[in-house]
C-alpha cells in the first residue's frame, strides 16, 4: 500500500518543518497529488488521520490533497495534456506535471 508510505512521509515532513520553526501545533497541510501518481488521495487522508491520532502536535491538523492534472510537452512544440501520443507529431510527449506527490504548504501555530 503506497498510500501508507505517502501519509507517513507527510507526517514526518510536517513534523520536521513545525519543530524547525518552533511551532506548537500543525493546523493544515496542503499536498498536491498528481493524477498519474497512482495514489488515492482519500486513502492518504484516512491514513494520515490514523497515524497522527493522539499526537498533540497534530491534534487539529487537517490534510487537504489537491489533484494535479497532467501537463505534457513535446519536442515539436506541442504543450497540453495528451500523455500517450503527441497529437501534433505522433511522438511520445514528456510528462511535465501530474506524477508528483508534494507537500506545498504547512500552516502552524507558534508561540
Foldseek 3Di string as FASTA:
>chain_A
DVLLVLLVVQVVVQVVVCVVVQFQAWAEWEKEAFPQQPHDVVSNQVSNCVVCPPPRNHPNYHYHYHYDQWWWAAPVGDIDRDQQADPVPGDGTGTDDRNDIGTDDIDGHHD
